[in-house]
């Protein structure tokens, strides 16, 4: 029974995360650096990947989350100041959530995804 609940929650993360990421990051494209635009694109690619992943197989979710963390680290290397710090912190939070996501536990990822757009959006303003 718990497995089914986790799968249902995983589907909710995609639905809520997609609207939050795409809505909350609208300010990224007008940010102070091209890094903000690239970050928005990375987030959109992530949402596309997890939407296409099966809820019955959590491994691709963990892999996609790990990949997004790596991309945010790369973008942090191109940024400076507050944006660099925020991207590094968010990459760390995603990396910490990835192992649990890979086993079907999306609670930590849900928290990260709810906060990520505002944190990055604020740094890009």
PDB file of N, CA and C in Angstrom:
ATOM      1  N   UNK A   1       0.826  -1.203   0.000  1.00  0.00           N
ATOM      2  CA  UNK A   1       0.000   0.000   0.000  1.00  0.00           C
ATOM      3  C   UNK A   1       0.863   1.256   0.000  1.00  0.00           C
ATOM      4  N   UNK A   2       1.895   1.270   0.812  1.00  0.00           N
ATOM      5  CA  UNK A   2       2.770   2.439   0.891  1.00  0.00           C
ATOM      6  C   UNK A   2       3.389   2.749  -0.463  1.00  0.00           C
ATOM      7  N   UNK A   3       3.737   1.709  -1.215  1.00  0.00           N
ATOM      8  CA  UNK A   3       4.337   1.878  -2.528  1.00  0.00           C
ATOM      9  C   UNK A   3       3.407   2.666  -3.453  1.00  0.00           C
ATOM     10  N   UNK A   4       2.123   2.355  -3.416  1.00  0.00           N
ATOM     11  CA  UNK A   4       1.152   3.069  -4.236  1.00  0.00           C
ATOM     12  C   UNK A   4       1.003   4.522  -3.828  1.00  0.00           C
ATOM     13  N   UNK A   5       1.060   4.775  -2.539  1.00  0.00           N
ATOM     14  CA  UNK A   5       0.977   6.154  -2.042  1.00  0.00           C
ATOM     15  C   UNK A   5       2.180   6.958  -2.510  1.00  0.00           C
ATOM     16  N   UNK A   6       3.356   6.351  -2.450  1.00  0.00           N
ATOM     17  CA  UNK A   6       4.566   7.037  -2.919  1.00  0.00           C
ATOM     18  C   UNK A   6       4.451   7.344  -4.396  1.00  0.00           C
ATOM     19  N   UNK A   7       3.934   6.420  -5.171  1.00  0.00           N
ATOM     20  CA  UNK A   7       3.775   6.654  -6.604  1.00  0.00           C
ATOM     21  C   UNK A   7       2.790   7.790  -6.870  1.00  0.00           C
ATOM     22  N   UNK A   8       1.703   7.821  -6.119  1.00  0.00           N
ATOM     23  CA  UNK A   8       0.732   8.904  -6.289  1.00  0.00           C
ATOM     24  C   UNK A   8       1.363  10.237  -5.929  1.00  0.00           C
ATOM     25  N   UNK A   9       2.141  10.261  -4.866  1.00  0.00           N
ATOM     26  CA  UNK A   9       2.825  11.484  -4.456  1.00  0.00           C
ATOM     27  C   UNK A   9       3.830  11.901  -5.520  1.00  0.00           C
ATOM     28  N   UNK A  10       4.499  10.929  -6.112  1.00  0.00           N
ATOM     29  CA  UNK A  10       5.465  11.240  -7.165  1.00  0.00           C
ATOM     30  C   UNK A  10       4.780  11.942  -8.325  1.00  0.00           C
ATOM     31  N   UNK A  11       3.616  11.468  -8.701  1.00  0.00           N
ATOM     32  CA  UNK A  11       2.870  12.128  -9.765  1.00  0.00           C
ATOM     33  C   UNK A  11       2.497  13.546  -9.398  1.00  0.00           C
ATOM     34  N   UNK A  12       2.171  13.751  -8.124  1.00  0.00           N
ATOM     35  CA  UNK A  12       1.849  15.090  -7.637  1.00  0.00           C
ATOM     36  C   UNK A  12       3.039  16.024  -7.694  1.00  0.00           C
ATOM     37  N   UNK A  13       4.227  15.491  -7.421  1.00  0.00           N
ATOM     38  CA  UNK A  13       5.440  16.307  -7.483  1.00  0.00           C
ATOM     39  C   UNK A  13       5.645  16.822  -8.890  1.00  0.00           C
ATOM     40  N   UNK A  14       5.436  15.964  -9.864  1.00  0.00           N
ATOM     41  CA  UNK A  14       5.604  16.399 -11.249  1.00  0.00           C
ATOM     42  C   UNK A  14       4.609  17.498 -11.585  1.00  0.00           C
ATOM     43  N   UNK A  15       3.356  17.295 -11.235  1.00  0.00           N
ATOM     44  CA  UNK A  15       2.333  18.286 -11.570  1.00  0.00           C
ATOM     45  C   UNK A  15       2.588  19.610 -10.852  1.00  0.00           C
ATOM     46  N   UNK A  16       2.820  19.547  -9.551  1.00  0.00           N
ATOM     47  CA  UNK A  16       3.062  20.768  -8.786  1.00  0.00           C
ATOM     48  C   UNK A  16       4.400  21.385  -9.127  1.00  0.00           C
ATOM     49  N   UNK A  17       5.403  20.542  -9.262  1.00  0.00           N
ATOM     50  CA  UNK A  17       6.736  21.038  -9.574  1.00  0.00           C
ATOM     51  C   UNK A  17       6.775  21.736 -10.916  1.00  0.00           C
ATOM     52  N   UNK A  18       6.090  21.182 -11.881  1.00  0.00           N
ATOM     53  CA  UNK A  18       6.091  21.781 -13.209  1.00  0.00           C
ATOM     54  C   UNK A  18       5.489  23.175 -13.172  1.00  0.00           C
ATOM     55  N   UNK A  19       4.369  23.320 -12.519  1.00  0.00           N
ATOM     56  CA  UNK A  19       3.748  24.639 -12.484  1.00  0.00           C
ATOM     57  C   UNK A  19       4.582  25.611 -11.664  1.00  0.00           C
ATOM     58  N   UNK A  20       5.168  25.144 -10.585  1.00  0.00           N
ATOM     59  CA  UNK A  20       5.993  26.021  -9.752  1.00  0.00           C
ATOM     60  C   UNK A  20       7.265  26.423 -10.475  1.00  0.00           C
ATOM     61  N   UNK A  21       7.926  25.463 -11.090  1.00  0.00           N
ATOM     62  CA  UNK A  21       9.173  25.773 -11.773  1.00  0.00           C
ATOM     63  C   UNK A  21       8.959  26.709 -12.942  1.00  0.00           C
ATOM     64  N   UNK A  22       7.981  26.384 -13.748  1.00  0.00           N
ATOM     65  CA  UNK A  22       7.782  27.184 -14.941  1.00  0.00           C
ATOM     66  C   UNK A  22       7.137  28.525 -14.619  1.00  0.00           C
ATOM     67  N   UNK A  23       6.304  28.570 -13.607  1.00  0.00           N
ATOM     68  CA  UNK A  23       5.707  29.833 -13.213  1.00  0.00           C
ATOM     69  C   UNK A  23       6.639  30.670 -12.361  1.00  0.00           C
ATOM     70  N   UNK A  24       7.297  30.057 -11.407  1.00  0.00           N
ATOM     71  CA  UNK A  24       8.162  30.780 -10.483  1.00  0.00           C
ATOM     72  C   UNK A  24       9.456  31.241 -11.094  1.00  0.00           C
ATOM     73  N   UNK A  25       9.874  30.640 -12.178  1.00  0.00           N
ATOM     74  CA  UNK A  25      11.139  31.007 -12.795  1.00  0.00           C
ATOM     75  C   UNK A  25      10.953  31.939 -13.982  1.00  0.00           C
ATOM     76  N   UNK A  26       9.795  32.499 -14.102  1.00  0.00           N
ATOM     77  CA  UNK A  26       9.566  33.404 -15.217  1.00  0.00           C
ATOM     78  C   UNK A  26      10.510  34.581 -15.220  1.00  0.00           C
ATOM     79  N   UNK A  27      10.992  34.971 -14.045  1.00  0.00           N
ATOM     80  CA  UNK A  27      11.902  36.110 -13.973  1.00  0.00           C
ATOM     81  C   UNK A  27      13.318  35.727 -14.348  1.00  0.00           C
ATOM     82  N   UNK A  28      13.603  34.444 -14.473  1.00  0.00           N
ATOM     83  CA  UNK A  28      14.968  34.034 -14.765  1.00  0.00           C
ATOM     84  C   UNK A  28      15.463  34.559 -16.099  1.00  0.00           C
ATOM     85  N   UNK A  29      14.621  34.572 -17.098  1.00  0.00           N
ATOM     86  CA  UNK A  29      15.085  34.954 -18.423  1.00  0.00           C
ATOM     87  C   UNK A  29      15.489  36.424 -18.496  1.00  0.00           C
ATOM     88  N   UNK A  30      15.026  37.230 -17.560  1.00  0.00           N
ATOM     89  CA  UNK A  30      15.399  38.642 -17.587  1.00  0.00           C
ATOM     90  C   UNK A  30      16.423  38.954 -16.510  1.00  0.00           C
ATOM     91  N   UNK A  31      17.086  37.937 -15.998  1.00  0.00           N
ATOM     92  CA  UNK A  31      18.039  38.091 -14.912  1.00  0.00           C
ATOM     93  C   UNK A  31      19.305  38.798 -15.342  1.00  0.00           C
ATOM     94  N   UNK A  32      20.230  38.943 -14.409  1.00  0.00           N
ATOM     95  CA  UNK A  32      21.431  39.718 -14.645  1.00  0.00           C
ATOM     96  C   UNK A  32      22.475  38.992 -15.487  1.00  0.00           C
ATOM     97  N   UNK A  33      22.248  37.724 -15.795  1.00  0.00           N
ATOM     98  CA  UNK A  33      23.272  36.968 -16.510  1.00  0.00           C
ATOM     99  C   UNK A  33      22.624  35.921 -17.398  1.00  0.00           C
ATOM    100  N   UNK A  34      23.332  35.528 -18.458  1.00  0.00           N
ATOM    101  CA  UNK A  34      22.829  34.434 -19.290  1.00  0.00           C
ATOM    102  C   UNK A  34      22.667  33.145 -18.479  1.00  0.00           C
ATOM    103  N   UNK A  35      23.360  33.057 -17.358  1.00  0.00           N
ATOM    104  CA  UNK A  35      23.243  31.882 -16.499  1.00  0.00           C
ATOM    105  C   UNK A  35      21.789  31.696 -16.060  1.00  0.00           C
ATOM    106  N   UNK A  36      21.073  32.774 -15.863  1.00  0.00           N
ATOM    107  CA  UNK A  36      19.676  32.669 -15.440  1.00  0.00           C
ATOM    108  C   UNK A  36      18.822  32.012 -16.525  1.00  0.00           C
ATOM    109  N   UNK A  37      19.047  32.392 -17.759  1.00  0.00           N
ATOM    110  CA  UNK A  37      18.319  31.786 -18.871  1.00  0.00           C
ATOM    111  C   UNK A  37      18.671  30.309 -18.984  1.00  0.00           C
ATOM    112  N   UNK A  38      19.951  29.993 -18.848  1.00  0.00           N
ATOM    113  CA  UNK A  38      20.390  28.597 -18.917  1.00  0.00           C
ATOM    114  C   UNK A  38      19.814  27.782 -17.768  1.00  0.00           C
ATOM    115  N   UNK A  39      19.671  28.404 -16.609  1.00  0.00           N
ATOM    116  CA  UNK A  39      19.095  27.713 -15.451  1.00  0.00           C
ATOM    117  C   UNK A  39      17.628  27.393 -15.706  1.00  0.00           C
ATOM    118  N   UNK A  40      16.908  28.344 -16.257  1.00  0.00           N
ATOM    119  CA  UNK A  40      15.502  28.107 -16.579  1.00  0.00           C
ATOM    120  C   UNK A  40      15.377  26.949 -17.561  1.00  0.00           C
ATOM    121  N   UNK A  41      16.239  26.921 -18.566  1.00  0.00           N
ATOM    122  CA  UNK A  41      16.208  25.835 -19.546  1.00  0.00           C
ATOM    123  C   UNK A  41      16.517  24.490 -18.883  1.00  0.00           C
ATOM    124  N   UNK A  42      17.475  24.465 -17.959  1.00  0.00           N
ATOM    125  CA  UNK A  42      17.820  23.224 -17.256  1.00  0.00           C
ATOM    126  C   UNK A  42      16.633  22.720 -16.437  1.00  0.00           C
ATOM    127  N   UNK A  43      15.921  23.633 -15.802  1.00  0.00           N
ATOM    128  CA  UNK A  43      14.753  23.250 -15.009  1.00  0.00           C
ATOM    129  C   UNK A  43      13.635  22.717 -15.900  1.00  0.00           C
ATOM    130  N   UNK A  44      13.446  23.341 -17.044  1.00  0.00           N
ATOM    131  CA  UNK A  44      12.428  22.864 -17.975  1.00  0.00           C
ATOM    132  C   UNK A  44      12.786  21.485 -18.529  1.00  0.00           C
ATOM    133  N   UNK A  45      14.061  21.258 -18.816  1.00  0.00           N
ATOM    134  CA  UNK A  45      14.502  19.947 -19.291  1.00  0.00           C
ATOM    135  C   UNK A  45      14.277  18.886 -18.217  1.00  0.00           C
ATOM    136  N   UNK A  46      14.544  19.238 -16.977  1.00  0.00           N
ATOM    137  CA  UNK A  46      14.327  18.306 -15.872  1.00  0.00           C
ATOM    138  C   UNK A  46      12.854  17.918 -15.789  1.00  0.00           C
ATOM    139  N   UNK A  47      11.973  18.894 -15.866  1.00  0.00           N
ATOM    140  CA  UNK A  47      10.546  18.603 -15.771  1.00  0.00           C
ATOM    141  C   UNK A  47      10.106  17.709 -16.934  1.00  0.00           C
ATOM    142  N   UNK A  48      10.659  17.919 -18.103  1.00  0.00           N
ATOM    143  CA  UNK A  48      10.353  17.058 -19.241  1.00  0.00           C
ATOM    144  C   UNK A  48      10.818  15.630 -18.971  1.00  0.00           C
ATOM    145  N   UNK A  49      12.004  15.479 -18.398  1.00  0.00           N
ATOM    146  CA  UNK A  49      12.533  14.148 -18.098  1.00  0.00           C
ATOM    147  C   UNK A  49      11.673  13.420 -17.082  1.00  0.00           C
ATOM    148  N   UNK A  50      11.310  14.087 -15.993  1.00  0.00           N
ATOM    149  CA  UNK A  50      10.547  13.381 -14.958  1.00  0.00           C
ATOM    150  C   UNK A  50       9.104  13.140 -15.384  1.00  0.00           C
ATOM    151  N   UNK A  51       8.573  14.002 -16.217  1.00  0.00           N
ATOM    152  CA  UNK A  51       7.228  13.740 -16.748  1.00  0.00           C
ATOM    153  C   UNK A  51       7.219  12.476 -17.589  1.00  0.00           C
ATOM    154  N   UNK A  52       8.314  12.227 -18.289  1.00  0.00           N
ATOM    155  CA  UNK A  52       8.396  11.061 -19.149  1.00  0.00           C
ATOM    156  C   UNK A  52       8.795   9.790 -18.421  1.00  0.00           C
ATOM    157  N   UNK A  53       9.203   9.909 -17.160  1.00  0.00           N
ATOM    158  CA  UNK A  53       9.638   8.741 -16.386  1.00  0.00           C
ATOM    159  C   UNK A  53       8.437   8.036 -15.775  1.00  0.00           C
ATOM    160  N   UNK A  54       8.519   6.746 -15.720  1.00  0.00           N
ATOM    161  CA  UNK A  54       7.440   5.943 -15.147  1.00  0.00           C
ATOM    162  C   UNK A  54       7.418   6.090 -13.634  1.00  0.00           C
ATOM    163  N   UNK A  55       6.237   6.240 -13.076  1.00  0.00           N
ATOM    164  CA  UNK A  55       6.094   6.316 -11.628  1.00  0.00           C
ATOM    165  C   UNK A  55       6.356   4.967 -10.976  1.00  0.00           C
ATOM    166  N   UNK A  56       6.309   3.901 -11.746  1.00  0.00           N
ATOM    167  CA  UNK A  56       6.557   2.567 -11.175  1.00  0.00           C
ATOM    168  C   UNK A  56       8.043   2.240 -11.130  1.00  0.00           C
ATOM    169  N   UNK A  57       8.884   3.062 -11.762  1.00  0.00           N
ATOM    170  CA  UNK A  57      10.332   2.857 -11.742  1.00  0.00           C
ATOM    171  C   UNK A  57      10.989   4.159 -11.297  1.00  0.00           C
ATOM    172  N   UNK A  58      11.326   4.279 -10.012  1.00  0.00           N
ATOM    173  CA  UNK A  58      11.858   5.535  -9.494  1.00  0.00           C
ATOM    174  C   UNK A  58      13.304   5.823  -9.883  1.00  0.00           C
ATOM    175  N   UNK A  59      14.045   4.852 -10.368  1.00  0.00           N
ATOM    176  CA  UNK A  59      15.460   5.064 -10.678  1.00  0.00           C
ATOM    177  C   UNK A  59      15.696   6.228 -11.647  1.00  0.00           C
ATOM    178  N   UNK A  60      14.945   6.343 -12.736  1.00  0.00           N
ATOM    179  CA  UNK A  60      15.165   7.481 -13.635  1.00  0.00           C
ATOM    180  C   UNK A  60      14.909   8.837 -12.962  1.00  0.00           C
ATOM    181  N   UNK A  61      14.015   8.859 -11.993  1.00  0.00           N
ATOM    182  CA  UNK A  61      13.764  10.102 -11.261  1.00  0.00           C
ATOM    183  C   UNK A  61      15.024  10.524 -10.517  1.00  0.00           C
ATOM    184  N   UNK A  62      15.647   9.572  -9.846  1.00  0.00           N
ATOM    185  CA  UNK A  62      16.879   9.862  -9.117  1.00  0.00           C
ATOM    186  C   UNK A  62      17.989  10.297 -10.054  1.00  0.00           C
ATOM    187  N   UNK A  63      18.092   9.629 -11.208  1.00  0.00           N
ATOM    188  CA  UNK A  63      19.112   9.984 -12.187  1.00  0.00           C
ATOM    189  C   UNK A  63      18.886  11.379 -12.747  1.00  0.00           C
ATOM    190  N   UNK A  64      17.651  11.712 -13.051  1.00  0.00           N
ATOM    191  CA  UNK A  64      17.344  13.045 -13.581  1.00  0.00           C
ATOM    192  C   UNK A  64      17.619  14.122 -12.535  1.00  0.00           C
ATOM    193  N   UNK A  65      17.317  13.825 -11.290  1.00  0.00           N
ATOM    194  CA  UNK A  65      17.556  14.782 -10.209  1.00  0.00           C
ATOM    195  C   UNK A  65      19.054  14.993 -10.029  1.00  0.00           C
ATOM    196  N   UNK A  66      19.809  13.925 -10.088  1.00  0.00           N
ATOM    197  CA  UNK A  66      21.274  14.001  -9.985  1.00  0.00           C
ATOM    198  C   UNK A  66      21.847  14.804 -11.164  1.00  0.00           C
ATOM    199  N   UNK A  67      21.300  14.581 -12.344  1.00  0.00           N
ATOM    200  CA  UNK A  67      21.746  15.307 -13.541  1.00  0.00           C
ATOM    201  C   UNK A  67      21.468  16.808 -13.410  1.00  0.00           C
ATOM    202  N   UNK A  68      20.294  17.157 -12.898  1.00  0.00           N
ATOM    203  CA  UNK A  68      19.973  18.567 -12.692  1.00  0.00           C
ATOM    204  C   UNK A  68      20.930  19.186 -11.680  1.00  0.00           C
ATOM    205  N   UNK A  69      21.239  18.470 -10.624  1.00  0.00           N
ATOM    206  CA  UNK A  69      22.196  18.981  -9.631  1.00  0.00           C
ATOM    207  C   UNK A  69      23.545  19.257 -10.286  1.00  0.00           C
ATOM    208  N   UNK A  70      23.992  18.349 -11.129  1.00  0.00           N
ATOM    209  CA  UNK A  70      25.254  18.548 -11.838  1.00  0.00           C
ATOM    210  C   UNK A  70      25.215  19.759 -12.750  1.00  0.00           C
ATOM    211  N   UNK A  71      24.089  19.936 -13.428  1.00  0.00           N
ATOM    212  CA  UNK A  71      23.958  21.094 -14.328  1.00  0.00           C
ATOM    213  C   UNK A  71      23.962  22.402 -13.538  1.00  0.00           C
ATOM    214  N   UNK A  72      23.309  22.424 -12.375  1.00  0.00           N
ATOM    215  CA  UNK A  72      23.331  23.635 -11.552  1.00  0.00           C
ATOM    216  C   UNK A  72      24.743  23.928 -11.050  1.00  0.00           C
ATOM    217  N   UNK A  73      25.516  22.881 -10.752  1.00  0.00           N
ATOM    218  CA  UNK A  73      26.921  23.077 -10.380  1.00  0.00           C
ATOM    219  C   UNK A  73      27.704  23.704 -11.525  1.00  0.00           C
ATOM    220  N   UNK A  74      27.472  23.219 -12.751  1.00  0.00           N
ATOM    221  CA  UNK A  74      28.141  23.789 -13.918  1.00  0.00           C
ATOM    222  C   UNK A  74      27.780  25.261 -14.086  1.00  0.00           C
ATOM    223  N   UNK A  75      26.502  25.566 -13.925  1.00  0.00           N
ATOM    224  CA  UNK A  75      26.055  26.946 -14.064  1.00  0.00           C
ATOM    225  C   UNK A  75      26.622  27.827 -12.951  1.00  0.00           C
ATOM    226  N   UNK A  76      26.770  27.272 -11.768  1.00  0.00           N
ATOM    227  CA  UNK A  76      27.364  28.025 -10.659  1.00  0.00           C
ATOM    228  C   UNK A  76      28.798  28.426 -10.993  1.00  0.00           C
ATOM    229  N   UNK A  77      29.508  27.562 -11.715  1.00  0.00           N
ATOM    230  CA  UNK A  77      30.882  27.880 -12.122  1.00  0.00           C
ATOM    231  C   UNK A  77      30.930  29.080 -13.066  1.00  0.00           C
ATOM    232  N   UNK A  78      29.831  29.329 -13.772  1.00  0.00           N
ATOM    233  CA  UNK A  78      29.758  30.460 -14.702  1.00  0.00           C
ATOM    234  C   UNK A  78      29.236  31.727 -14.033  1.00  0.00           C
ATOM    235  N   UNK A  79      28.695  31.601 -12.847  1.00  0.00           N
ATOM    236  CA  UNK A  79      28.069  32.729 -12.151  1.00  0.00           C
ATOM    237  C   UNK A  79      29.017  33.301 -11.109  1.00  0.00           C
ATOM    238  N   UNK A  80      28.567  34.397 -10.498  1.00  0.00           N
ATOM    239  CA  UNK A  80      29.327  34.953  -9.389  1.00  0.00           C
ATOM    240  C   UNK A  80      28.364  35.519  -8.352  1.00  0.00           C
ATOM    241  N   UNK A  81      28.883  35.908  -7.227  1.00  0.00           N
ATOM    242  CA  UNK A  81      28.081  36.530  -6.174  1.00  0.00           C
ATOM    243  C   UNK A  81      26.984  35.633  -5.640  1.00  0.00           C
ATOM    244  N   UNK A  82      25.843  36.273  -5.379  1.00  0.00           N
ATOM    245  CA  UNK A  82      24.708  35.562  -4.796  1.00  0.00           C
ATOM    246  C   UNK A  82      24.188  34.446  -5.691  1.00  0.00           C
ATOM    247  N   UNK A  83      24.179  34.675  -6.986  1.00  0.00           N
ATOM    248  CA  UNK A  83      23.681  33.655  -7.908  1.00  0.00           C
ATOM    249  C   UNK A  83      24.533  32.394  -7.811  1.00  0.00           C
ATOM    250  N   UNK A  84      25.829  32.544  -7.751  1.00  0.00           N
ATOM    251  CA  UNK A  84      26.724  31.398  -7.613  1.00  0.00           C
ATOM    252  C   UNK A  84      26.406  30.620  -6.338  1.00  0.00           C
ATOM    253  N   UNK A  85      26.247  31.332  -5.236  1.00  0.00           N
ATOM    254  CA  UNK A  85      25.964  30.691  -3.951  1.00  0.00           C
ATOM    255  C   UNK A  85      24.628  29.945  -3.977  1.00  0.00           C
ATOM    256  N   UNK A  86      23.621  30.572  -4.570  1.00  0.00           N
ATOM    257  CA  UNK A  86      22.296  29.953  -4.632  1.00  0.00           C
ATOM    258  C   UNK A  86      22.328  28.699  -5.505  1.00  0.00           C
ATOM    259  N   UNK A  87      22.960  28.785  -6.651  1.00  0.00           N
ATOM    260  CA  UNK A  87      23.030  27.621  -7.533  1.00  0.00           C
ATOM    261  C   UNK A  87      23.780  26.466  -6.872  1.00  0.00           C
ATOM    262  N   UNK A  88      24.865  26.773  -6.183  1.00  0.00           N
ATOM    263  CA  UNK A  88      25.609  25.730  -5.463  1.00  0.00           C
ATOM    264  C   UNK A  88      24.750  25.100  -4.366  1.00  0.00           C
ATOM    265  N   UNK A  89      24.031  25.949  -3.628  1.00  0.00           N
ATOM    266  CA  UNK A  89      23.178  25.439  -2.545  1.00  0.00           C
ATOM    267  C   UNK A  89      22.048  24.572  -3.087  1.00  0.00           C
ATOM    268  N   UNK A  90      21.411  25.018  -4.162  1.00  0.00           N
ATOM    269  CA  UNK A  90      20.311  24.235  -4.738  1.00  0.00           C
ATOM    270  C   UNK A  90      20.813  22.929  -5.338  1.00  0.00           C
ATOM    271  N   UNK A  91      21.987  22.960  -5.932  1.00  0.00           N
ATOM    272  CA  UNK A  91      22.572  21.713  -6.446  1.00  0.00           C
ATOM    273  C   UNK A  91      22.793  20.729  -5.299  1.00  0.00           C
ATOM    274  N   UNK A  92      23.268  21.224  -4.186  1.00  0.00           N
ATOM    275  CA  UNK A  92      23.469  20.368  -3.017  1.00  0.00           C
ATOM    276  C   UNK A  92      22.170  19.798  -2.484  1.00  0.00           C
ATOM    277  N   UNK A  93      21.135  20.615  -2.452  1.00  0.00           N
ATOM    278  CA  UNK A  93      19.836  20.146  -1.975  1.00  0.00           C
ATOM    279  C   UNK A  93      19.265  19.078  -2.903  1.00  0.00           C
ATOM    280  N   UNK A  94      19.409  19.284  -4.209  1.00  0.00           N
ATOM    281  CA  UNK A  94      18.938  18.283  -5.173  1.00  0.00           C
ATOM    282  C   UNK A  94      19.739  16.995  -5.052  1.00  0.00           C
ATOM    283  N   UNK A  95      21.042  17.141  -4.911  1.00  0.00           N
ATOM    284  CA  UNK A  95      21.899  15.955  -4.778  1.00  0.00           C
ATOM    285  C   UNK A  95      21.542  15.167  -3.524  1.00  0.00           C
ATOM    286  N   UNK A  96      21.207  15.864  -2.450  1.00  0.00           N
ATOM    287  CA  UNK A  96      20.808  15.189  -1.215  1.00  0.00           C
ATOM    288  C   UNK A  96      19.468  14.468  -1.378  1.00  0.00           C
ATOM    289  N   UNK A  97      18.579  15.005  -2.204  1.00  0.00           N
ATOM    290  CA  UNK A  97      17.264  14.391  -2.425  1.00  0.00           C
ATOM    291  C   UNK A  97      17.312  13.230  -3.404  1.00  0.00           C
ATOM    292  N   UNK A  98      18.290  13.208  -4.292  1.00  0.00           N
ATOM    293  CA  UNK A  98      18.334  12.224  -5.378  1.00  0.00           C
ATOM    294  C   UNK A  98      18.314  10.765  -4.917  1.00  0.00           C
ATOM    295  N   UNK A  99      19.093  10.367  -3.908  1.00  0.00           N
ATOM    296  CA  UNK A  99      19.055   8.946  -3.520  1.00  0.00           C
ATOM    297  C   UNK A  99      17.667   8.488  -3.065  1.00  0.00           C
ATOM    298  N   UNK A 100      16.987   9.313  -2.296  1.00  0.00           N
ATOM    299  CA  UNK A 100      15.647   8.953  -1.829  1.00  0.00           C
ATOM    300  C   UNK A 100      14.667   8.901  -2.999  1.00  0.00           C
ATOM    301  N   UNK A 101      14.793   9.837  -3.926  1.00  0.00           N
ATOM    302  CA  UNK A 101      13.920   9.851  -5.099  1.00  0.00           C
ATOM    303  C   UNK A 101      14.124   8.565  -5.895  1.00  0.00           C
ATOM    304  N   UNK A 102      15.362   8.127  -5.994  1.00  0.00           N
ATOM    305  CA  UNK A 102      15.676   6.915  -6.739  1.00  0.00           C
ATOM    306  C   UNK A 102      15.068   5.657  -6.145  1.00  0.00           C
ATOM    307  N   UNK A 103      14.630   5.738  -4.882  1.00  0.00           N
ATOM    308  CA  UNK A 103      13.975   4.587  -4.250  1.00  0.00           C
ATOM    309  C   UNK A 103      12.476   4.799  -4.093  1.00  0.00           C
ATOM    310  N   UNK A 104      11.964   5.930  -4.575  1.00  0.00           N
ATOM    311  CA  UNK A 104      10.536   6.174  -4.540  1.00  0.00           C
ATOM    312  C   UNK A 104      10.058   7.140  -3.476  1.00  0.00           C
ATOM    313  N   UNK A 105      10.965   7.686  -2.666  1.00  0.00           N
ATOM    314  CA  UNK A 105      10.593   8.628  -1.613  1.00  0.00           C
ATOM    315  C   UNK A 105      10.805  10.043  -2.136  1.00  0.00           C
ATOM    316  N   UNK A 106       9.716  10.754  -2.416  1.00  0.00           N
ATOM    317  CA  UNK A 106       9.821  12.075  -3.027  1.00  0.00           C
ATOM    318  C   UNK A 106       9.598  13.222  -2.045  1.00  0.00           C
ATOM    319  N   UNK A 107       9.519  12.934  -0.764  1.00  0.00           N
ATOM    320  CA  UNK A 107       9.230  13.985   0.220  1.00  0.00           C
ATOM    321  C   UNK A 107      10.280  15.098   0.188  1.00  0.00           C
ATOM    322  N   UNK A 108      11.554  14.733   0.187  1.00  0.00           N
ATOM    323  CA  UNK A 108      12.604  15.737   0.189  1.00  0.00           C
ATOM    324  C   UNK A 108      12.625  16.499  -1.136  1.00  0.00           C
ATOM    325  N   UNK A 109      12.435  15.799  -2.240  1.00  0.00           N
ATOM    326  CA  UNK A 109      12.389  16.453  -3.540  1.00  0.00           C
ATOM    327  C   UNK A 109      11.234  17.434  -3.609  1.00  0.00           C
ATOM    328  N   UNK A 110      10.102  17.062  -3.069  1.00  0.00           N
ATOM    329  CA  UNK A 110       8.935  17.940  -3.054  1.00  0.00           C
ATOM    330  C   UNK A 110       9.271  19.261  -2.365  1.00  0.00           C
ATOM    331  N   UNK A 111       9.952  19.184  -1.235  1.00  0.00           N
ATOM    332  CA  UNK A 111      10.348  20.394  -0.506  1.00  0.00           C
ATOM    333  C   UNK A 111      11.303  21.243  -1.336  1.00  0.00           C
ATOM    334  N   UNK A 112      12.290  20.596  -1.931  1.00  0.00           N
ATOM    335  CA  UNK A 112      13.260  21.327  -2.753  1.00  0.00           C
ATOM    336  C   UNK A 112      12.566  22.026  -3.910  1.00  0.00           C
ATOM    337  N   UNK A 113      11.682  21.313  -4.595  1.00  0.00           N
ATOM    338  CA  UNK A 113      11.020  21.871  -5.773  1.00  0.00           C
ATOM    339  C   UNK A 113      10.065  23.009  -5.437  1.00  0.00           C
ATOM    340  N   UNK A 114       9.507  22.980  -4.260  1.00  0.00           N
ATOM    341  CA  UNK A 114       8.617  24.069  -3.866  1.00  0.00           C
ATOM    342  C   UNK A 114       9.401  25.356  -3.609  1.00  0.00           C
ATOM    343  N   UNK A 115      10.640  25.234  -3.150  1.00  0.00           N
ATOM    344  CA  UNK A 115      11.437  26.400  -2.769  1.00  0.00           C
ATOM    345  C   UNK A 115      12.399  26.858  -3.861  1.00  0.00           C
ATOM    346  N   UNK A 116      12.799  25.964  -4.740  1.00  0.00           N
ATOM    347  CA  UNK A 116      13.822  26.250  -5.738  1.00  0.00           C
ATOM    348  C   UNK A 116      13.500  27.432  -6.649  1.00  0.00           C
ATOM    349  N   UNK A 117      12.313  27.530  -7.226  1.00  0.00           N
ATOM    350  CA  UNK A 117      12.052  28.644  -8.147  1.00  0.00           C
ATOM    351  C   UNK A 117      12.204  30.013  -7.495  1.00  0.00           C
ATOM    352  N   UNK A 118      11.706  30.172  -6.299  1.00  0.00           N
ATOM    353  CA  UNK A 118      11.810  31.468  -5.627  1.00  0.00           C
ATOM    354  C   UNK A 118      13.254  31.797  -5.289  1.00  0.00           C
ATOM    355  N   UNK A 119      13.994  30.815  -4.835  1.00  0.00           N
ATOM    356  CA  UNK A 119      15.387  31.054  -4.457  1.00  0.00           C
ATOM    357  C   UNK A 119      16.215  31.468  -5.667  1.00  0.00           C
ATOM    358  N   UNK A 120      16.069  30.740  -6.760  1.00  0.00           N
ATOM    359  CA  UNK A 120      16.835  31.087  -7.948  1.00  0.00           C
ATOM    360  C   UNK A 120      16.302  32.378  -8.574  1.00  0.00           C
ATOM    361  N   UNK A 121      14.988  32.520  -8.601  1.00  0.00           N
ATOM    362  CA  UNK A 121      14.393  33.741  -9.149  1.00  0.00           C
ATOM    363  C   UNK A 121      14.860  34.987  -8.414  1.00  0.00           C
ATOM    364  N   UNK A 122      14.939  34.917  -7.074  1.00  0.00           N
ATOM    365  CA  UNK A 122      15.423  36.060  -6.295  1.00  0.00           C
ATOM    366  C   UNK A 122      16.867  36.390  -6.630  1.00  0.00           C
ATOM    367  N   UNK A 123      17.691  35.375  -6.833  1.00  0.00           N
ATOM    368  CA  UNK A 123      19.109  35.596  -7.143  1.00  0.00           C
ATOM    369  C   UNK A 123      19.273  36.163  -8.553  1.00  0.00           C
ATOM    370  N   UNK A 124      18.334  35.888  -9.441  1.00  0.00           N
ATOM    371  CA  UNK A 124      18.430  36.372 -10.815  1.00  0.00           C
ATOM    372  C   UNK A 124      17.833  37.774 -10.986  1.00  0.00           C
ATOM    373  N   UNK A 125      17.099  38.239 -10.019  1.00  0.00           N
ATOM    374  CA  UNK A 125      16.525  39.601 -10.131  1.00  0.00           C
ATOM    375  C   UNK A 125      17.581  40.659 -10.017  1.00  0.00           C
TER     376      UNK A 125
END
